[in-house]
C-alpha atoms as a PDB file:
ATOM      1  CA  MET A   1      95.367 123.927  55.903  1.00  0.00           C
ATOM      2  CA  THR A   2      97.440 122.362  58.744  1.00  0.00           C
ATOM      3  CA  THR A   3      96.704 123.730  62.002  1.00  0.00           C
ATOM      4  CA  GLY A   4      99.050 124.937  64.746  1.00  0.00           C
ATOM      5  CA  MET A   5      97.617 122.000  66.787  1.00  0.00           C
ATOM      6  CA  ASN A   6      98.215 119.322  64.006  1.00  0.00           C
ATOM      7  CA  ARG A   7     101.946 120.873  63.385  1.00  0.00           C
ATOM      8  CA  LYS A   8     102.796 119.805  67.026  1.00  0.00           C
ATOM      9  CA  ASP A   9     101.597 116.790  66.568  1.00  0.00           C
ATOM     10  CA  THR A  10     103.194 115.839  63.183  1.00  0.00           C
ATOM     11  CA  LEU A  11     106.229 117.072  64.970  1.00  0.00           C
ATOM     12  CA  ALA A  12     105.795 114.966  67.976  1.00  0.00           C
ATOM     13  CA  ASP A  13     104.831 111.838  65.876  1.00  0.00           C
ATOM     14  CA  MET A  14     108.206 112.575  63.467  1.00  0.00           C
ATOM     15  CA  VAL A  15     110.421 113.216  66.734  1.00  0.00           C
ATOM     16  CA  GLU A  16     108.512 109.552  68.542  1.00  0.00           C
ATOM     17  CA  LYS A  17     110.230 107.766  64.983  1.00  0.00           C
ATOM     18  CA  ILE A  18     113.472 109.144  65.142  1.00  0.00           C
ATOM     19  CA  SER A  19     116.150 106.908  67.412  1.00  0.00           C
ATOM     20  CA  ASP A  20     118.003 107.538  69.873  1.00  0.00           C
ATOM     21  CA  ALA A  21     121.460 107.813  68.136  1.00  0.00           C
ATOM     22  CA  GLN A  22     120.034 110.409  65.920  1.00  0.00           C
ATOM     23  CA  LEU A  23     118.282 112.432  68.441  1.00  0.00           C
ATOM     24  CA  VAL A  24     121.555 112.666  70.555  1.00  0.00           C
ATOM     25  CA  LYS A  25     123.409 113.544  67.500  1.00  0.00           C
ATOM     26  CA  MET A  26     120.770 116.641  67.022  1.00  0.00           C
ATOM     27  CA  ALA A  27     120.445 117.542  70.398  1.00  0.00           C
ATOM     28  CA  ALA A  28     124.641 117.242  70.960  1.00  0.00           C
ATOM     29  CA  SER A  29     124.408 120.150  67.922  1.00  0.00           C
ATOM     30  CA  GLY A  30     122.459 122.321  70.093  1.00  0.00           C
ATOM     31  CA  ASP A  31     119.026 121.397  68.805  1.00  0.00           C
ATOM     32  CA  GLN A  32     116.817 122.297  71.902  1.00  0.00           C
ATOM     33  CA  LYS A  33     114.068 120.189  70.506  1.00  0.00           C
ATOM     34  CA  ALA A  34     115.975 116.997  69.718  1.00  0.00           C
ATOM     35  CA  PHE A  35     116.502 116.775  73.301  1.00  0.00           C
ATOM     36  CA  ALA A  36     113.395 117.730  74.381  1.00  0.00           C
ATOM     37  CA  GLY A  37     112.417 114.685  72.597  1.00  0.00           C
ATOM     38  CA  LEU A  38     115.399 112.304  75.109  1.00  0.00           C
ATOM     39  CA  PHE A  39     113.461 114.169  78.009  1.00  0.00           C
ATOM     40  CA  ASP A  40     110.263 113.224  76.926  1.00  0.00           C
ATOM     41  CA  ARG A  41     111.709 109.869  76.223  1.00  0.00           C
ATOM     42  CA  TYR A  42     113.023 108.858  79.163  1.00  0.00           C
ATOM     43  CA  GLU A  43     111.627 111.084  81.816  1.00  0.00           C
ATOM     44  CA  SER A  44     109.418 108.797  83.381  1.00  0.00           C
ATOM     45  CA  PHE A  45     112.339 105.983  83.803  1.00  0.00           C
ATOM     46  CA  VAL A  46     114.553 109.177  85.934  1.00  0.00           C
ATOM     47  CA  TRP A  47     111.246 109.598  87.955  1.00  0.00           C
ATOM     48  CA  ASN A  48     110.771 106.385  88.779  1.00  0.00           C
ATOM     49  CA  VAL A  49     114.063 105.671  90.208  1.00  0.00           C
ATOM     50  CA  THR A  50     115.010 109.061  91.905  1.00  0.00           C
ATOM     51  CA  TYR A  51     111.216 109.204  93.251  1.00  0.00           C
ATOM     52  CA  ARG A  52     111.432 105.417  94.590  1.00  0.00           C
ATOM     53  CA  MET A  53     114.707 105.873  95.678  1.00  0.00           C
ATOM     54  CA  THR A  54     113.915 108.733  98.012  1.00  0.00           C
ATOM     55  CA  TYR A  55     109.560 108.829  98.839  1.00  0.00           C
ATOM     56  CA  ASN A  56     109.927 112.458  98.491  1.00  0.00           C
ATOM     57  CA  SER A  57     108.713 114.571  95.178  1.00  0.00           C
ATOM     58  CA  ASP A  58     110.680 117.771  95.693  1.00  0.00           C
ATOM     59  CA  ILE A  59     114.018 115.763  96.010  1.00  0.00           C
ATOM     60  CA  ALA A  60     112.905 113.116  93.166  1.00  0.00           C
ATOM     61  CA  GLU A  61     112.199 116.502  90.807  1.00  0.00           C
ATOM     62  CA  ASP A  62     115.564 117.731  92.367  1.00  0.00           C
ATOM     63  CA  ILE A  63     118.094 115.247  91.303  1.00  0.00           C
ATOM     64  CA  SER A  64     115.996 114.807  88.173  1.00  0.00           C
ATOM     65  CA  GLN A  65     116.492 118.215  87.168  1.00  0.00           C
ATOM     66  CA  ASP A  66     120.219 117.812  87.761  1.00  0.00           C
ATOM     67  CA  VAL A  67     120.187 114.848  85.977  1.00  0.00           C
ATOM     68  CA  PHE A  68     119.168 116.476  82.588  1.00  0.00           C
ATOM     69  CA  VAL A  69     121.115 119.135  82.943  1.00  0.00           C
ATOM     70  CA  SER A  70     124.281 117.231  83.264  1.00  0.00           C
ATOM     71  CA  VAL A  71     123.144 115.484  80.397  1.00  0.00           C
ATOM     72  CA  TRP A  72     122.473 118.532  78.126  1.00  0.00           C
ATOM     73  CA  ILE A  73     125.753 119.421  79.200  1.00  0.00           C
ATOM     74  CA  ALA A  74     127.905 116.387  78.285  1.00  0.00           C
ATOM     75  CA  LEU A  75     126.080 115.917  75.403  1.00  0.00           C
ATOM     76  CA  PRO A  76     128.777 117.115  73.186  1.00  0.00           C
ATOM     77  CA  LYS A  77     131.138 115.020  74.479  1.00  0.00           C
ATOM     78  CA  PHE A  78     129.234 111.866  74.555  1.00  0.00           C
ATOM     79  CA  GLU A  79     131.641 109.252  72.595  1.00  0.00           C
ATOM     80  CA  GLY A  80     128.683 106.830  72.213  1.00  0.00           C
ATOM     81  CA  ARG A  81     130.997 103.872  73.255  1.00  0.00           C
ATOM     82  CA  SER A  82     127.472 102.431  75.421  1.00  0.00           C
ATOM     83  CA  ALA A  83     124.267 103.561  73.971  1.00  0.00           C
ATOM     84  CA  PHE A  84     122.839 106.232  74.978  1.00  0.00           C
ATOM     85  CA  ARG A  85     120.743 104.792  77.518  1.00  0.00           C
ATOM     86  CA  THR A  86     123.027 102.824  79.149  1.00  0.00           C
ATOM     87  CA  TRP A  87     124.867 106.182  79.602  1.00  0.00           C
ATOM     88  CA  LEU A  88     121.495 108.142  81.131  1.00  0.00           C
ATOM     89  CA  TYR A  89     120.743 105.461  83.118  1.00  0.00           C
ATOM     90  CA  ARG A  90     124.341 105.756  84.567  1.00  0.00           C
ATOM     91  CA  ILE A  91     124.020 109.526  85.395  1.00  0.00           C
ATOM     92  CA  VAL A  92     120.633 108.438  87.080  1.00  0.00           C
ATOM     93  CA  VAL A  93     122.169 106.122  89.352  1.00  0.00           C
ATOM     94  CA  ASN A  94     125.080 107.874  89.753  1.00  0.00           C
ATOM     95  CA  LYS A  95     123.345 111.473  90.775  1.00  0.00           C
ATOM     96  CA  THR A  96     121.131 109.555  93.343  1.00  0.00           C
ATOM     97  CA  LEU A  97     123.455 107.548  95.049  1.00  0.00           C
ATOM     98  CA  ASN A  98     125.685 110.962  95.303  1.00  0.00           C
ATOM     99  CA  TRP A  99     122.615 112.543  96.547  1.00  0.00           C
ATOM    100  CA  ILE A 100     121.705 110.269  99.363  1.00  0.00           C
ATOM    101  CA  LYS A 101     125.169 109.355 100.241  1.00  0.00           C
ATOM    102  CA  SER A 102     126.303 113.507 100.759  1.00  0.00           C
ATOM    103  CA  ASN A 103     122.979 114.343 102.271  1.00  0.00           C
ATOM    104  CA  ARG A 104     123.144 111.224 104.808  1.00  0.00           C
ATOM    105  CA  PHE A 105     119.699 110.589 103.624  1.00  0.00           C
ATOM    106  CA  GLU A 106     118.040 107.612 104.810  1.00  0.00           C
ATOM    107  CA  LEU A 107     114.395 105.878 103.733  1.00  0.00           C
ATOM    108  CA  GLN A 108     112.390 106.117 106.868  1.00  0.00           C
ATOM    109  CA  TYR A 109     109.080 104.123 106.624  1.00  0.00           C
ATOM    110  CA  SER A 110     108.286 105.149 109.888  1.00  0.00           C
ATOM    111  CA  ASP A 111     108.136 109.174 108.875  1.00  0.00           C
ATOM    112  CA  GLU A 112     104.926 110.365 108.955  1.00  0.00           C
ATOM    113  CA  LYS A 113     106.149 113.051 106.164  1.00  0.00           C
ATOM    114  CA  MET A 114     107.133 110.667 103.657  1.00  0.00           C
ATOM    115  CA  LEU A 115     103.818 108.606 103.863  1.00  0.00           C
ATOM    116  CA  LYS A 116     102.150 112.337 103.429  1.00  0.00           C
ATOM    117  CA  ASN A 117     104.276 112.425  99.907  1.00  0.00           C
ATOM    118  CA  ILE A 118     103.097 109.402  98.625  1.00  0.00           C
ATOM    119  CA  GLU A 119      99.542 110.454  99.344  1.00  0.00           C
ATOM    120  CA  ASN A 120     100.074 114.446  98.324  1.00  0.00           C
ATOM    121  CA  HIS A 121     102.221 112.528  95.089  1.00  0.00           C
ATOM    122  CA  LEU A 122      99.298 109.624  93.656  1.00  0.00           C
ATOM    123  CA  LEU A 123      96.532 112.669  94.776  1.00  0.00           C
ATOM    124  CA  ALA A 124      98.145 114.993  92.115  1.00  0.00           C
ATOM    125  CA  ASN A 125      99.125 112.580  89.882  1.00  0.00           C
ATOM    126  CA  GLU A 126      96.486 110.194  89.063  1.00  0.00           C
ATOM    127  CA  ASN A 127      92.634 110.159  89.024  1.00  0.00           C
ATOM    128  CA  PRO A 128      91.406 110.066  92.668  1.00  0.00           C
ATOM    129  CA  GLU A 129      89.593 106.657  92.579  1.00  0.00           C
ATOM    130  CA  GLU A 130      92.921 105.340  90.731  1.00  0.00           C
ATOM    131  CA  ALA A 131      94.764 106.964  93.711  1.00  0.00           C
ATOM    132  CA  ILE A 132      93.124 105.456  96.292  1.00  0.00           C
ATOM    133  CA  ASN A 133      93.075 102.327  94.221  1.00  0.00           C
ATOM    134  CA  ILE A 134      96.784 102.182  94.552  1.00  0.00           C
ATOM    135  CA  MET A 135      97.952 103.860  97.311  1.00  0.00           C
ATOM    136  CA  ASP A 136      98.335 100.979  99.827  1.00  0.00           C
ATOM    137  CA  ALA A 137     100.518  99.417  97.476  1.00  0.00           C
ATOM    138  CA  GLU A 138     102.701 101.962  96.783  1.00  0.00           C
ATOM    139  CA  LYS A 139     102.915 102.422 100.848  1.00  0.00           C
ATOM    140  CA  THR A 140     103.884  98.790 101.103  1.00  0.00           C
ATOM    141  CA  LEU A 141     106.564  98.975  98.633  1.00  0.00           C
ATOM    142  CA  ALA A 142     108.099 102.019 100.252  1.00  0.00           C
ATOM    143  CA  LYS A 143     108.061 100.071 103.417  1.00  0.00           C
ATOM    144  CA  ILE A 144     109.951  97.455 101.629  1.00  0.00           C
ATOM    145  CA  LEU A 145     112.022  99.235 100.133  1.00  0.00           C
ATOM    146  CA  SER A 146     113.568 101.278 103.292  1.00  0.00           C
ATOM    147  CA  HIS A 147     114.843  98.205 104.767  1.00  0.00           C
ATOM    148  CA  LEU A 148     117.235  97.845 102.234  1.00  0.00           C
ATOM    149  CA  VAL A 149     120.634 100.020 101.692  1.00  0.00           C
ATOM    150  CA  PRO A 150     120.988 102.264  98.712  1.00  0.00           C
ATOM    151  CA  GLU A 151     122.949  99.756  96.384  1.00  0.00           C
ATOM    152  CA  ARG A 152     120.373  97.350  96.554  1.00  0.00           C
ATOM    153  CA  ARG A 153     117.472  99.354  97.019  1.00  0.00           C
ATOM    154  CA  ILE A 154     118.448 100.990  93.784  1.00  0.00           C
ATOM    155  CA  ALA A 155     119.593  97.301  91.967  1.00  0.00           C
ATOM    156  CA  ILE A 156     115.582  96.214  92.850  1.00  0.00           C
ATOM    157  CA  ILE A 157     114.720  99.034  91.488  1.00  0.00           C
ATOM    158  CA  LEU A 158     116.024  98.811  88.897  1.00  0.00           C
ATOM    159  CA  ARG A 159     115.485  94.747  88.070  1.00  0.00           C
ATOM    160  CA  GLU A 160     111.806  94.312  89.618  1.00  0.00           C
ATOM    161  CA  ILE A 161     110.188  97.205  88.578  1.00  0.00           C
ATOM    162  CA  GLU A 162     112.305  98.806  86.009  1.00  0.00           C
ATOM    163  CA  GLY A 163     112.881  95.357  84.180  1.00  0.00           C
ATOM    164  CA  LEU A 164     116.160  96.254  83.433  1.00  0.00           C
ATOM    165  CA  SER A 165     118.505  92.614  82.669  1.00  0.00           C
ATOM    166  CA  TYR A 166     121.466  91.809  84.911  1.00  0.00           C
ATOM    167  CA  GLU A 167     123.815  92.458  81.919  1.00  0.00           C
ATOM    168  CA  ASP A 168     122.321  95.913  81.910  1.00  0.00           C
ATOM    169  CA  ILE A 169     122.555  96.684  85.330  1.00  0.00           C
ATOM    170  CA  SER A 170     125.919  95.682  85.663  1.00  0.00           C
ATOM    171  CA  GLU A 171     126.616  97.959  82.272  1.00  0.00           C
ATOM    172  CA  VAL A 172     124.703 100.723  84.280  1.00  0.00           C
ATOM    173  CA  THR A 173     126.641 100.447  87.452  1.00  0.00           C
ATOM    174  CA  LEU A 174     129.846  99.707  86.258  1.00  0.00           C
ATOM    175  CA  THR A 175     129.578  96.867  88.940  1.00  0.00           C
ATOM    176  CA  PRO A 176     130.660  92.623  87.901  1.00  0.00           C
ATOM    177  CA  ILE A 177     127.708  90.930  87.045  1.00  0.00           C
ATOM    178  CA  GLY A 178     128.357  88.564  89.949  1.00  0.00           C
ATOM    179  CA  THR A 179     127.880  91.738  92.285  1.00  0.00           C
ATOM    180  CA  VAL A 180     124.457  92.488  90.473  1.00  0.00           C
ATOM    181  CA  ARG A 181     123.560  89.097  91.071  1.00  0.00           C
ATOM    182  CA  SER A 182     125.198  88.681  94.854  1.00  0.00           C
ATOM    183  CA  ARG A 183     123.318  92.460  95.863  1.00  0.00           C
ATOM    184  CA  ILE A 184     119.479  91.387  94.152  1.00  0.00           C
ATOM    185  CA  SER A 185     119.802  87.773  95.896  1.00  0.00           C
ATOM    186  CA  ARG A 186     120.612  89.268  99.199  1.00  0.00           C
ATOM    187  CA  ALA A 187     117.958  92.527  98.154  1.00  0.00           C
ATOM    188  CA  LYS A 188     115.312  89.670  97.971  1.00  0.00           C
ATOM    189  CA  ASP A 189     116.199  88.019 100.964  1.00  0.00           C
ATOM    190  CA  ASP A 190     115.657  90.802 102.721  1.00  0.00           C
ATOM    191  CA  LEU A 191     112.395  91.851 101.216  1.00  0.00           C
ATOM    192  CA  LYS A 192     110.976  88.059 101.778  1.00  0.00           C
ATOM    193  CA  LYS A 193     111.933  88.864 105.958  1.00  0.00           C
ATOM    194  CA  VAL A 194     110.352  92.360 105.935  1.00  0.00           C
ATOM    195  CA  ALA A 195     106.925  90.340 103.720  1.00  0.00           C
ATOM    196  CA  ILE A 196     106.678  87.857 106.792  1.00  0.00           C
ATOM    197  CA  ASP A 197     107.035  90.385 109.220  1.00  0.00           C
ATOM    198  CA  MET A 198     104.511  92.465 108.002  1.00  0.00           C
ATOM    199  CA  GLU A 199     102.309  89.696 107.208  1.00  0.00           C
ATOM    200  CA  GLU A 200     102.511  88.088 110.793  1.00  0.00           C
ATOM    201  CA  CYS A 201     101.984  91.809 111.950  1.00  0.00           C
ATOM    202  CA  ARG A 202      98.680  91.484 110.368  1.00  0.00           C
ATOM    203  CA  HIS A 203      97.421  88.600 112.630  1.00  0.00           C
ATOM    204  CA  GLY A 204      98.383  89.918 115.967  1.00  0.00           C
ATOM    205  CA  CYS A 205     101.105  92.547 115.949  1.00  0.00           C
END
């Protein structure tokens, strides 16, 4: 006899094997399980981008929820001119940048609340030993990212952390690929300066 747990596992396995296009078609017709499959598939990406743009768990959660609500509402009108992945990523980028602009949000590494948010997030989502091991690295990343304007920051996150190609970023942000390359190049120059300053500070700041 198949147990409830086995049925749940079987359903999860089935959803995992279904393509984005199939899940989108099902979800657009109101299939909530199909939408849950899309949510599970892309929740991590959405969270990682919104969190590293703000380093505030509450804000990241709010933006992430707004993203998926917007996706659910807009799915029936999704025409498939681009891949679902590209369309979703575009919504994430737009929602995040619009939130930052409308709230005049600035990522301030010197903000003790932000550092505490990083600690609390890691301790809540990782085992204590792992949290301690990666905490310094995450704080260093936050300090580096805080020196970038939002457009360059999100370009670096998409490219260097999430691994998108220049072409993908261009399509997601609806920005000419030359502009994308320029933003990322300038962002890397900014990051090198920050890294040099941090290293010099360690040896006598």
